[in-house]
Structures are given as C-alpha cells and as structure tokens.
Amino acid sequence: MGLLSFFGKQEESQDLNALMERGAVILDVRTPGEFNTGHVVGSKNIPLDSIAASIDELKTMNVPIITCCASGMRSGVAANQLKSVGIESVNGGSWYSVKLATDQECK
C-alpha cells in the first residue's frame, strides 16, 4: 500500500461536483486558526483531532462529506476515519483545490 493510498487519494473535480449536486458538505479539518486565514464559504470546520467526537453529528447530516485541509494529508486521514464508520466521504485535498474544483467562493 502506497503512502497516498493510505491517506486517501484526492478526488477528481468531476467527482466532487457530482457529490456537491447530491448535497455534500465540505468538511475542513484544519485548526480554527488555519480555517480563519481562508476557507471555502459554507464549509464546516471540525479539526482532525475532533472528528471522533463529531461522528454522531456528521452521521445525522446523511449527505456525502468532502474533506479538505492545507495539503490533503489530514483530510485523507479524516475521510478514511469517516468511511470506517459508514459515512460516505472523499478526500478533496487542499481547501483551495476543493474551492477550484467545485467553483465555490472562498473567504
């Protein structure tokens, strides 16, 4: 298993757009400080170390989740963590890549 497959491959933009059409939530797993320096408008900020405590909340959303962070490493870990509990999720990579791929605004 390669390093990138362990962290979850960054998804292609057409896949992200299809998920957005299905009501996907963009989950930014950076720290609040990082998130406040710039993020996709409408994204939800739950730091990677808080994902486990937020599983029940995320399950109730009942929509796909696109994870993002600064580089794609933490978001890959988060996507795999969500998948392991039955939540449909994909690693979108960096928050700015998600912004470009989904044509969302950033703040």
Protein backbone atom coordinates (compact mmCIF):
# COMPACT_ATOMS: atom_id res chain seq x y z
CA MET A 1 0.00 0.00 0.00
CA GLY A 2 1.49 3.33 -1.04
CA LEU A 3 1.54 6.39 1.16
CA LEU A 4 -1.06 8.23 -0.91
CA SER A 5 -3.47 5.30 -0.83
CA PHE A 6 -3.13 5.19 2.96
CA PHE A 7 -4.20 8.80 3.29
CA GLY A 8 -6.92 8.55 0.64
CA LYS A 9 -6.44 9.66 -2.93
CA GLN A 10 -7.51 13.21 -3.74
CA GLU A 11 -10.70 13.02 -5.80
CA GLU A 12 -11.07 14.43 -9.31
CA SER A 13 -13.07 17.65 -9.74
CA GLN A 14 -15.94 15.96 -11.64
CA ASP A 15 -16.40 13.57 -8.72
CA LEU A 16 -16.53 16.48 -6.28
CA ASN A 17 -19.07 18.31 -8.39
CA ALA A 18 -21.27 15.21 -8.55
CA LEU A 19 -21.11 14.97 -4.77
CA MET A 20 -21.95 18.67 -4.42
CA GLU A 21 -25.02 18.12 -6.61
CA ARG A 22 -26.07 15.46 -4.09
CA GLY A 23 -25.82 17.97 -1.24
CA ALA A 24 -22.32 17.16 0.00
CA VAL A 25 -20.86 19.06 2.92
CA ILE A 26 -17.30 20.34 2.71
CA LEU A 27 -15.55 19.50 5.97
CA ASP A 28 -12.35 21.46 6.62
CA VAL A 29 -10.27 19.57 9.18
CA ARG A 30 -7.65 22.27 9.79
CA THR A 31 -7.35 24.08 13.10
CA PRO A 32 -9.67 27.06 13.69
CA GLY A 33 -6.70 29.40 13.27
CA GLU A 34 -5.86 27.93 9.86
CA PHE A 35 -9.52 27.94 8.86
CA ASN A 36 -9.81 31.65 9.72
CA THR A 37 -6.94 32.52 7.34
CA GLY A 38 -9.07 31.32 4.40
CA HIS A 39 -11.66 28.67 3.65
CA VAL A 40 -14.43 27.62 1.28
CA VAL A 41 -17.57 29.60 2.07
CA GLY A 42 -20.13 27.31 3.68
CA SER A 43 -17.60 24.69 4.72
CA LYS A 44 -17.79 23.23 8.21
CA ASN A 45 -14.67 23.40 10.38
CA ILE A 46 -14.04 20.39 12.58
CA PRO A 47 -10.33 19.88 13.33
CA LEU A 48 -8.98 16.40 12.65
CA ASP A 49 -8.46 15.70 16.34
CA SER A 50 -12.18 16.40 16.97
CA ILE A 51 -13.60 14.16 14.23
CA ALA A 52 -14.19 11.16 16.52
CA ALA A 53 -16.25 13.29 18.92
CA SER A 54 -18.33 14.61 15.99
CA ILE A 55 -19.20 11.28 14.33
CA ASP A 56 -22.81 11.22 15.55
CA GLU A 57 -23.40 14.79 14.35
CA LEU A 58 -21.86 14.01 10.96
CA LYS A 59 -23.93 10.83 10.57
CA THR A 60 -27.17 12.77 11.13
CA MET A 61 -26.36 15.01 8.14
CA ASN A 62 -26.93 11.98 5.90
CA VAL A 63 -25.05 13.53 2.96
CA PRO A 64 -21.65 12.84 1.39
CA ILE A 65 -18.72 14.63 3.01
CA ILE A 66 -15.78 16.12 1.14
CA THR A 67 -12.84 16.56 3.49
CA CYS A 68 -10.14 19.18 2.97
CA CYS A 69 -7.19 20.67 4.82
CA ALA A 70 -3.99 22.51 3.90
CA SER A 71 -2.33 19.83 1.77
CA GLY A 72 -4.58 16.78 1.64
CA MET A 73 -2.83 14.70 4.29
CA ARG A 74 -5.13 15.38 7.27
CA SER A 75 -8.19 15.35 5.02
CA GLY A 76 -7.18 11.88 3.80
CA VAL A 77 -6.96 10.63 7.36
CA ALA A 78 -10.35 12.22 8.13
CA ALA A 79 -12.01 10.72 5.03
CA ASN A 80 -10.75 7.26 5.95
CA GLN A 81 -11.93 7.72 9.54
CA LEU A 82 -15.41 8.69 8.33
CA LYS A 83 -15.56 5.81 5.84
CA SER A 84 -14.67 3.37 8.64
CA VAL A 85 -17.91 4.27 10.44
CA GLY A 86 -20.08 4.14 7.32
CA ILE A 87 -20.12 7.81 6.31
CA GLU A 88 -19.73 8.43 2.58
CA SER A 89 -16.67 10.63 2.33
CA VAL A 90 -13.89 11.57 -0.07
CA ASN A 91 -10.58 13.36 0.34
CA GLY A 92 -10.83 16.62 -1.59
CA GLY A 93 -7.21 17.55 -0.84
CA SER A 94 -6.33 21.13 -0.04
CA TRP A 95 -9.15 23.54 0.74
CA TYR A 96 -8.12 25.71 -2.20
CA SER A 97 -8.21 22.72 -4.58
CA VAL A 98 -11.74 21.98 -3.38
CA LYS A 99 -12.66 25.61 -3.99
CA LEU A 100 -11.34 25.45 -7.56
CA ALA A 101 -12.84 22.03 -8.29
CA THR A 102 -16.31 22.94 -7.05
CA ASP A 103 -16.33 26.61 -8.10
CA GLN A 104 -17.24 27.65 -4.57
CA GLU A 105 -16.35 31.04 -3.12
CA CYS A 106 -13.63 31.40 -0.55
CA LYS A 107 -13.26 33.66 2.41
